[in-house]
Amino acid sequence: MTLRVATVLALSAHIGLGAVSNLLFVAAFQFRPEWFLDPALVVSGGEASAELFKWAALTDLFSYYLPNAVVALALWIALRPRGPVLASVTMAAALGYVLVGGAGAAVLAMAGAPLIAEHSQNGTDPGAIRTAFGVLTDIVFRGIWQLLDGILLTIWFVGTGLLIRADQSGFGRLSLLLGGLIALGTTFNVLGFGLGRDLGMGLVFAIWAAWSVWLAILVWRRRLPLDSLDAPARGGS
């Protein structure tokens, strides 16, 4: 398997499993708008929400995080001739996003979901569980996913846009737009503008899916500068 094929498969996993993860989170939140604004409220969802929440976090790990390590490596290989320092910075940001955000998803799956299940069981302390789950969701959702991840993704997408726009101007502009929207959503999160943050993140997910589809097409068709991703396989054959 060449890096070109691995990248297309990684992007496909990101798009497909990402959609599944989003739907599972919506189901875990029982389609309640107030739970989207405050994820800590899902602790009262019972066993059904606990199981859905677990699988939503796991599919999130295997869609928005782990596959993007392959994408980051491919972009670094393809774009470093355009700017070695900027390419390395963007890859470091992307890998940081994968590691930190992926850890957050794993924690939600393995620690958050059991707390939801325990909340409705007899013999437990619902107040203590609500407090623990609230702290956990604040750390992961607000601190990691919507702050640190936002900063790292902004660097990745803006850096990618700057490096690739000479060869793929349309895709480069989309990447810059995506980075700008993530930066705006991250700013809303810091300022406490919950509605603006969540609406912005919804738009980001839609544009990110389009970005991934476009990138997969460019990689598969060997468009400049992504035509170099088959080179290692040819050299070793």
C-alpha atoms as a PDB file:
ATOM      1  CA  MET A   1       0.000   0.000   0.000  1.00  0.00           C
ATOM      2  CA  THR A   2       1.313   3.422  -0.951  1.00  0.00           C
ATOM      3  CA  LEU A   3       0.909   6.515   1.168  1.00  0.00           C
ATOM      4  CA  ARG A   4      -1.443   7.799  -1.533  1.00  0.00           C
ATOM      5  CA  VAL A   5      -3.855   4.899  -0.995  1.00  0.00           C
ATOM      6  CA  ALA A   6      -3.482   5.061   2.794  1.00  0.00           C
ATOM      7  CA  THR A   7      -4.330   8.769   2.723  1.00  0.00           C
ATOM      8  CA  VAL A   8      -7.495   8.215   0.685  1.00  0.00           C
ATOM      9  CA  LEU A   9      -8.540   5.425   3.062  1.00  0.00           C
ATOM     10  CA  ALA A  10      -7.825   7.642   6.080  1.00  0.00           C
ATOM     11  CA  LEU A  11      -9.894  10.475   4.609  1.00  0.00           C
ATOM     12  CA  SER A  12     -12.698   8.032   3.831  1.00  0.00           C
ATOM     13  CA  ALA A  13     -12.675   6.818   7.443  1.00  0.00           C
ATOM     14  CA  HIS A  14     -12.691  10.413   8.635  1.00  0.00           C
ATOM     15  CA  ILE A  15     -15.732  11.262   6.501  1.00  0.00           C
ATOM     16  CA  GLY A  16     -17.719   8.051   7.006  1.00  0.00           C
ATOM     17  CA  LEU A  17     -17.067   7.340  10.670  1.00  0.00           C
ATOM     18  CA  GLY A  18     -17.196  11.064  11.422  1.00  0.00           C
ATOM     19  CA  ALA A  19     -20.789  11.184  10.182  1.00  0.00           C
ATOM     20  CA  VAL A  20     -21.608   8.116  12.295  1.00  0.00           C
ATOM     21  CA  SER A  21     -20.007   9.725  15.362  1.00  0.00           C
ATOM     22  CA  ASN A  22     -21.987  12.926  14.900  1.00  0.00           C
ATOM     23  CA  LEU A  23     -25.256  10.983  14.614  1.00  0.00           C
ATOM     24  CA  LEU A  24     -24.426   8.914  17.709  1.00  0.00           C
ATOM     25  CA  PHE A  25     -23.708  12.051  19.738  1.00  0.00           C
ATOM     26  CA  VAL A  26     -27.022  13.540  18.585  1.00  0.00           C
ATOM     27  CA  ALA A  27     -28.813  10.340  19.656  1.00  0.00           C
ATOM     28  CA  ALA A  28     -26.943  10.235  22.979  1.00  0.00           C
ATOM     29  CA  PHE A  29     -28.059  13.819  23.616  1.00  0.00           C
ATOM     30  CA  GLN A  30     -31.631  12.663  22.843  1.00  0.00           C
ATOM     31  CA  PHE A  31     -32.059  15.453  20.282  1.00  0.00           C
ATOM     32  CA  ARG A  32     -32.305  18.036  23.091  1.00  0.00           C
ATOM     33  CA  PRO A  33     -30.849  21.449  22.114  1.00  0.00           C
ATOM     34  CA  GLU A  34     -30.053  22.337  25.728  1.00  0.00           C
ATOM     35  CA  TRP A  35     -27.832  19.257  26.024  1.00  0.00           C
ATOM     36  CA  PHE A  36     -25.790  20.392  23.050  1.00  0.00           C
ATOM     37  CA  LEU A  37     -25.212  23.748  24.752  1.00  0.00           C
ATOM     38  CA  ASP A  38     -24.281  22.000  28.019  1.00  0.00           C
ATOM     39  CA  PRO A  39     -23.020  18.413  27.428  1.00  0.00           C
ATOM     40  CA  ALA A  40     -22.882  17.818  31.181  1.00  0.00           C
ATOM     41  CA  LEU A  41     -26.686  17.436  31.125  1.00  0.00           C
ATOM     42  CA  VAL A  42     -26.411  14.130  29.244  1.00  0.00           C
ATOM     43  CA  VAL A  43     -25.483  12.486  32.577  1.00  0.00           C
ATOM     44  CA  SER A  44     -29.226  12.123  33.238  1.00  0.00           C
ATOM     45  CA  GLY A  45     -29.783  10.249  29.967  1.00  0.00           C
ATOM     46  CA  GLY A  46     -29.733   6.767  31.477  1.00  0.00           C
ATOM     47  CA  GLU A  47     -28.375   3.484  30.113  1.00  0.00           C
ATOM     48  CA  ALA A  48     -29.385   4.194  26.519  1.00  0.00           C
ATOM     49  CA  SER A  49     -27.510   7.495  26.426  1.00  0.00           C
ATOM     50  CA  ALA A  50     -24.516   5.914  28.163  1.00  0.00           C
ATOM     51  CA  GLU A  51     -24.114   3.237  25.469  1.00  0.00           C
ATOM     52  CA  LEU A  52     -24.647   5.707  22.635  1.00  0.00           C
ATOM     53  CA  PHE A  53     -22.216   8.157  24.244  1.00  0.00           C
ATOM     54  CA  LYS A  54     -19.558   5.457  24.506  1.00  0.00           C
ATOM     55  CA  TRP A  55     -19.788   4.522  20.837  1.00  0.00           C
ATOM     56  CA  ALA A  56     -20.022   8.145  19.766  1.00  0.00           C
ATOM     57  CA  ALA A  57     -16.713   8.874  21.519  1.00  0.00           C
ATOM     58  CA  LEU A  58     -15.047   5.728  20.127  1.00  0.00           C
ATOM     59  CA  THR A  59     -16.097   6.457  16.543  1.00  0.00           C
ATOM     60  CA  ASP A  60     -14.934  10.032  17.112  1.00  0.00           C
ATOM     61  CA  LEU A  61     -11.507   8.670  18.066  1.00  0.00           C
ATOM     62  CA  PHE A  62     -11.346   6.554  14.903  1.00  0.00           C
ATOM     63  CA  SER A  63     -12.640   9.279  12.581  1.00  0.00           C
ATOM     64  CA  TYR A  64     -11.690  12.796  13.610  1.00  0.00           C
ATOM     65  CA  TYR A  65      -8.412  11.824  15.289  1.00  0.00           C
ATOM     66  CA  LEU A  66      -6.401   8.711  14.426  1.00  0.00           C
ATOM     67  CA  PRO A  67      -6.905   8.776  10.613  1.00  0.00           C
ATOM     68  CA  ASN A  68      -5.770  12.392  10.491  1.00  0.00           C
ATOM     69  CA  ALA A  69      -2.281  11.337  11.587  1.00  0.00           C
ATOM     70  CA  VAL A  70      -1.934   9.698   8.161  1.00  0.00           C
ATOM     71  CA  VAL A  71      -3.354  12.794   6.442  1.00  0.00           C
ATOM     72  CA  ALA A  72      -0.941  15.047   8.333  1.00  0.00           C
ATOM     73  CA  LEU A  73       2.043  12.899   7.317  1.00  0.00           C
ATOM     74  CA  ALA A  74       0.963  12.877   3.672  1.00  0.00           C
ATOM     75  CA  LEU A  75       0.527  16.647   3.570  1.00  0.00           C
ATOM     76  CA  TRP A  76       3.914  17.161   5.218  1.00  0.00           C
ATOM     77  CA  ILE A  77       5.639  14.967   2.625  1.00  0.00           C
ATOM     78  CA  ALA A  78       3.851  16.684  -0.253  1.00  0.00           C
ATOM     79  CA  LEU A  79       4.198  20.270   0.985  1.00  0.00           C
ATOM     80  CA  ARG A  80       7.639  20.434   2.625  1.00  0.00           C
ATOM     81  CA  PRO A  81       9.370  21.367  -0.681  1.00  0.00           C
ATOM     82  CA  ARG A  82       7.158  24.515  -0.659  1.00  0.00           C
ATOM     83  CA  GLY A  83       8.272  25.518   2.836  1.00  0.00           C
ATOM     84  CA  PRO A  84      10.058  23.064   5.133  1.00  0.00           C
ATOM     85  CA  VAL A  85       9.619  25.069   8.331  1.00  0.00           C
ATOM     86  CA  LEU A  86       5.937  25.886   7.837  1.00  0.00           C
ATOM     87  CA  ALA A  87       5.210  22.315   6.699  1.00  0.00           C
ATOM     88  CA  SER A  88       6.865  20.944   9.844  1.00  0.00           C
ATOM     89  CA  VAL A  89       4.965  23.365  12.086  1.00  0.00           C
ATOM     90  CA  THR A  90       1.638  22.421  10.512  1.00  0.00           C
ATOM     91  CA  MET A  91       2.361  18.702  10.840  1.00  0.00           C
ATOM     92  CA  ALA A  92       3.373  19.124  14.486  1.00  0.00           C
ATOM     93  CA  ALA A  93       0.117  20.981  15.144  1.00  0.00           C
ATOM     94  CA  ALA A  94      -1.887  18.252  13.398  1.00  0.00           C
ATOM     95  CA  LEU A  95      -0.198  15.461  15.343  1.00  0.00           C
ATOM     96  CA  GLY A  96      -0.703  17.397  18.576  1.00  0.00           C
ATOM     97  CA  TYR A  97      -4.387  17.648  17.721  1.00  0.00           C
ATOM     98  CA  VAL A  98      -4.543  13.890  17.082  1.00  0.00           C
ATOM     99  CA  LEU A  99      -2.830  12.987  20.357  1.00  0.00           C
ATOM    100  CA  VAL A 100      -4.547  15.442  22.689  1.00  0.00           C
ATOM    101  CA  GLY A 101      -8.017  15.329  21.161  1.00  0.00           C
ATOM    102  CA  GLY A 102      -7.862  11.568  20.706  1.00  0.00           C
ATOM    103  CA  ALA A 103      -7.011  11.161  24.376  1.00  0.00           C
ATOM    104  CA  GLY A 104     -10.061  13.255  25.221  1.00  0.00           C
ATOM    105  CA  ALA A 105     -12.299  11.004  23.111  1.00  0.00           C
ATOM    106  CA  ALA A 106     -10.871   7.893  24.777  1.00  0.00           C
ATOM    107  CA  VAL A 107     -11.480   9.351  28.239  1.00  0.00           C
ATOM    108  CA  LEU A 108     -15.102  10.169  27.399  1.00  0.00           C
ATOM    109  CA  ALA A 109     -15.675   6.637  26.109  1.00  0.00           C
ATOM    110  CA  MET A 110     -14.068   4.804  29.012  1.00  0.00           C
ATOM    111  CA  ALA A 111     -14.807   7.180  31.922  1.00  0.00           C
ATOM    112  CA  GLY A 112     -17.667   9.429  30.814  1.00  0.00           C
ATOM    113  CA  ALA A 113     -20.053   6.729  29.604  1.00  0.00           C
ATOM    114  CA  PRO A 114     -19.833   4.688  32.860  1.00  0.00           C
ATOM    115  CA  LEU A 115     -20.678   7.813  34.848  1.00  0.00           C
ATOM    116  CA  ILE A 116     -23.856   8.263  32.789  1.00  0.00           C
ATOM    117  CA  ALA A 117     -24.800   4.633  33.425  1.00  0.00           C
ATOM    118  CA  GLU A 118     -24.114   4.891  37.165  1.00  0.00           C
ATOM    119  CA  HIS A 119     -26.099   8.109  37.590  1.00  0.00           C
ATOM    120  CA  SER A 120     -29.478   6.346  37.463  1.00  0.00           C
ATOM    121  CA  GLN A 121     -28.474   3.289  39.510  1.00  0.00           C
ATOM    122  CA  ASN A 122     -29.626   2.734  43.084  1.00  0.00           C
ATOM    123  CA  GLY A 123     -27.032   3.138  45.808  1.00  0.00           C
ATOM    124  CA  THR A 124     -25.037   5.815  44.006  1.00  0.00           C
ATOM    125  CA  ASP A 125     -24.640   9.503  44.788  1.00  0.00           C
ATOM    126  CA  PRO A 126     -26.216  11.339  41.816  1.00  0.00           C
ATOM    127  CA  GLY A 127     -24.909  14.699  42.985  1.00  0.00           C
ATOM    128  CA  ALA A 128     -21.303  13.519  43.112  1.00  0.00           C
ATOM    129  CA  ILE A 129     -21.650  11.815  39.744  1.00  0.00           C
ATOM    130  CA  ARG A 130     -23.112  14.966  38.159  1.00  0.00           C
ATOM    131  CA  THR A 131     -20.221  16.996  39.539  1.00  0.00           C
ATOM    132  CA  ALA A 132     -17.598  14.521  38.289  1.00  0.00           C
ATOM    133  CA  PHE A 133     -19.210  14.261  34.860  1.00  0.00           C
ATOM    134  CA  GLY A 134     -19.545  18.038  34.624  1.00  0.00           C
ATOM    135  CA  VAL A 135     -15.837  18.495  35.325  1.00  0.00           C
ATOM    136  CA  LEU A 136     -14.985  15.785  32.793  1.00  0.00           C
ATOM    137  CA  THR A 137     -17.089  17.310  30.009  1.00  0.00           C
ATOM    138  CA  ASP A 138     -15.765  20.803  30.732  1.00  0.00           C
ATOM    139  CA  ILE A 139     -12.193  19.534  30.415  1.00  0.00           C
ATOM    140  CA  VAL A 140     -12.770  17.535  27.224  1.00  0.00           C
ATOM    141  CA  PHE A 141     -15.417  19.551  25.375  1.00  0.00           C
ATOM    142  CA  ARG A 142     -14.457  23.080  26.390  1.00  0.00           C
ATOM    143  CA  GLY A 143     -10.805  22.778  27.341  1.00  0.00           C
ATOM    144  CA  ILE A 144      -9.498  20.236  24.821  1.00  0.00           C
ATOM    145  CA  TRP A 145     -11.871  19.919  21.860  1.00  0.00           C
ATOM    146  CA  GLN A 146     -13.013  23.547  21.637  1.00  0.00           C
ATOM    147  CA  LEU A 147      -9.874  25.343  22.821  1.00  0.00           C
ATOM    148  CA  LEU A 148      -6.608  23.437  22.434  1.00  0.00           C
ATOM    149  CA  ASP A 149      -7.838  21.445  19.437  1.00  0.00           C
ATOM    150  CA  GLY A 150      -9.130  24.674  17.921  1.00  0.00           C
ATOM    151  CA  ILE A 151      -5.737  26.353  18.179  1.00  0.00           C
ATOM    152  CA  LEU A 152      -3.915  23.344  16.718  1.00  0.00           C
ATOM    153  CA  LEU A 153      -6.406  22.883  13.880  1.00  0.00           C
ATOM    154  CA  THR A 154      -6.210  26.564  13.000  1.00  0.00           C
ATOM    155  CA  ILE A 155      -2.443  26.234  12.572  1.00  0.00           C
ATOM    156  CA  TRP A 156      -2.843  23.055  10.503  1.00  0.00           C
ATOM    157  CA  PHE A 157      -5.476  24.352   8.109  1.00  0.00           C
ATOM    158  CA  VAL A 158      -4.032  27.839   7.699  1.00  0.00           C
ATOM    159  CA  GLY A 159      -0.522  26.441   7.169  1.00  0.00           C
ATOM    160  CA  THR A 160      -1.829  23.909   4.659  1.00  0.00           C
ATOM    161  CA  GLY A 161      -3.737  26.619   2.813  1.00  0.00           C
ATOM    162  CA  LEU A 162      -0.685  28.862   2.562  1.00  0.00           C
ATOM    163  CA  LEU A 163       1.517  26.038   1.297  1.00  0.00           C
ATOM    164  CA  ILE A 164      -0.842  24.495  -1.247  1.00  0.00           C
ATOM    165  CA  ARG A 165      -2.552  27.548  -2.748  1.00  0.00           C
ATOM    166  CA  ALA A 166       0.136  28.035  -5.423  1.00  0.00           C
ATOM    167  CA  ASP A 167      -0.788  24.644  -6.928  1.00  0.00           C
ATOM    168  CA  GLN A 168      -4.427  24.304  -5.835  1.00  0.00           C
ATOM    169  CA  SER A 169      -5.797  27.791  -5.316  1.00  0.00           C
ATOM    170  CA  GLY A 170      -9.415  26.772  -4.674  1.00  0.00           C
ATOM    171  CA  PHE A 171      -8.518  24.113  -2.136  1.00  0.00           C
ATOM    172  CA  GLY A 172      -6.022  26.477  -0.538  1.00  0.00           C
ATOM    173  CA  ARG A 173      -8.708  29.140  -0.072  1.00  0.00           C
ATOM    174  CA  LEU A 174     -11.073  26.566   1.439  1.00  0.00           C
ATOM    175  CA  SER A 175      -8.366  25.469   3.862  1.00  0.00           C
ATOM    176  CA  LEU A 176      -7.749  29.082   4.897  1.00  0.00           C
ATOM    177  CA  LEU A 177     -11.489  29.636   5.339  1.00  0.00           C
ATOM    178  CA  LEU A 178     -11.771  26.521   7.480  1.00  0.00           C
ATOM    179  CA  GLY A 179      -8.860  27.625   9.652  1.00  0.00           C
ATOM    180  CA  GLY A 180     -10.424  31.063  10.073  1.00  0.00           C
ATOM    181  CA  LEU A 181     -13.800  29.622  11.092  1.00  0.00           C
ATOM    182  CA  ILE A 182     -12.156  27.339  13.647  1.00  0.00           C
ATOM    183  CA  ALA A 183     -10.250  30.301  15.068  1.00  0.00           C
ATOM    184  CA  LEU A 184     -13.519  32.242  15.328  1.00  0.00           C
ATOM    185  CA  GLY A 185     -15.276  29.361  17.079  1.00  0.00           C
ATOM    186  CA  THR A 186     -12.355  28.998  19.475  1.00  0.00           C
ATOM    187  CA  THR A 187     -12.559  32.707  20.268  1.00  0.00           C
ATOM    188  CA  PHE A 188     -16.302  32.410  20.941  1.00  0.00           C
ATOM    189  CA  ASN A 189     -15.533  29.533  23.318  1.00  0.00           C
ATOM    190  CA  VAL A 190     -13.007  31.609  25.259  1.00  0.00           C
ATOM    191  CA  LEU A 191     -15.415  34.555  25.451  1.00  0.00           C
ATOM    192  CA  GLY A 192     -18.287  32.363  26.591  1.00  0.00           C
ATOM    193  CA  PHE A 193     -20.485  32.914  23.528  1.00  0.00           C
ATOM    194  CA  GLY A 194     -21.996  29.439  23.659  1.00  0.00           C
ATOM    195  CA  LEU A 195     -24.543  29.755  20.867  1.00  0.00           C
ATOM    196  CA  GLY A 196     -22.079  31.371  18.459  1.00  0.00           C
ATOM    197  CA  ARG A 197     -19.469  28.737  19.326  1.00  0.00           C
ATOM    198  CA  ASP A 198     -21.811  25.804  18.720  1.00  0.00           C
ATOM    199  CA  LEU A 199     -23.263  27.207  15.495  1.00  0.00           C
ATOM    200  CA  GLY A 200     -19.748  27.904  14.266  1.00  0.00           C
ATOM    201  CA  MET A 201     -18.617  24.386  15.098  1.00  0.00           C
ATOM    202  CA  GLY A 202     -21.573  22.938  13.190  1.00  0.00           C
ATOM    203  CA  LEU A 203     -20.493  24.920  10.131  1.00  0.00           C
ATOM    204  CA  VAL A 204     -16.896  23.774  10.631  1.00  0.00           C
ATOM    205  CA  PHE A 205     -17.901  20.100  10.576  1.00  0.00           C
ATOM    206  CA  ALA A 206     -19.753  20.577   7.271  1.00  0.00           C
ATOM    207  CA  ILE A 207     -16.880  22.455   5.620  1.00  0.00           C
ATOM    208  CA  TRP A 208     -14.318  20.017   7.021  1.00  0.00           C
ATOM    209  CA  ALA A 209     -16.197  17.145   5.345  1.00  0.00           C
ATOM    210  CA  ALA A 210     -16.073  19.029   2.026  1.00  0.00           C
ATOM    211  CA  TRP A 211     -12.359  19.749   2.589  1.00  0.00           C
ATOM    212  CA  SER A 212     -11.685  16.044   3.168  1.00  0.00           C
ATOM    213  CA  VAL A 213     -13.609  14.954   0.072  1.00  0.00           C
ATOM    214  CA  TRP A 214     -11.770  17.520  -2.058  1.00  0.00           C
ATOM    215  CA  LEU A 215      -8.395  16.462  -0.641  1.00  0.00           C
ATOM    216  CA  ALA A 216      -9.165  12.779  -1.263  1.00  0.00           C
ATOM    217  CA  ILE A 217      -9.944  13.569  -4.907  1.00  0.00           C
ATOM    218  CA  LEU A 218      -6.731  15.566  -5.300  1.00  0.00           C
ATOM    219  CA  VAL A 219      -4.680  12.774  -3.757  1.00  0.00           C
ATOM    220  CA  TRP A 220      -6.348  10.012  -5.754  1.00  0.00           C
ATOM    221  CA  ARG A 221      -5.904  11.909  -9.041  1.00  0.00           C
ATOM    222  CA  ARG A 222      -2.277  12.716  -8.196  1.00  0.00           C
ATOM    223  CA  ARG A 223      -2.763  16.468  -8.521  1.00  0.00           C
ATOM    224  CA  LEU A 224       0.191  18.726  -7.790  1.00  0.00           C
ATOM    225  CA  PRO A 225       1.761  18.835  -5.253  1.00  0.00           C
ATOM    226  CA  LEU A 226       0.156  15.597  -4.004  1.00  0.00           C
ATOM    227  CA  ASP A 227       1.535  13.513  -6.869  1.00  0.00           C
ATOM    228  CA  SER A 228       4.632  12.750  -4.790  1.00  0.00           C
ATOM    229  CA  LEU A 229       2.795  10.370  -2.417  1.00  0.00           C
ATOM    230  CA  ASP A 230       3.449   7.352  -4.660  1.00  0.00           C
ATOM    231  CA  ALA A 231       7.178   8.092  -4.935  1.00  0.00           C
ATOM    232  CA  PRO A 232       8.395   6.022  -1.929  1.00  0.00           C
ATOM    233  CA  ALA A 233       6.528   2.940  -3.183  1.00  0.00           C
ATOM    234  CA  ARG A 234       7.984   3.233  -6.676  1.00  0.00           C
ATOM    235  CA  GLY A 235      11.486   3.726  -5.286  1.00  0.00           C
ATOM    236  CA  GLY A 236      11.230   0.590  -3.171  1.00  0.00           C
ATOM    237  CA  SER A 237       9.812  -1.659  -5.870  1.00  0.00           C
END
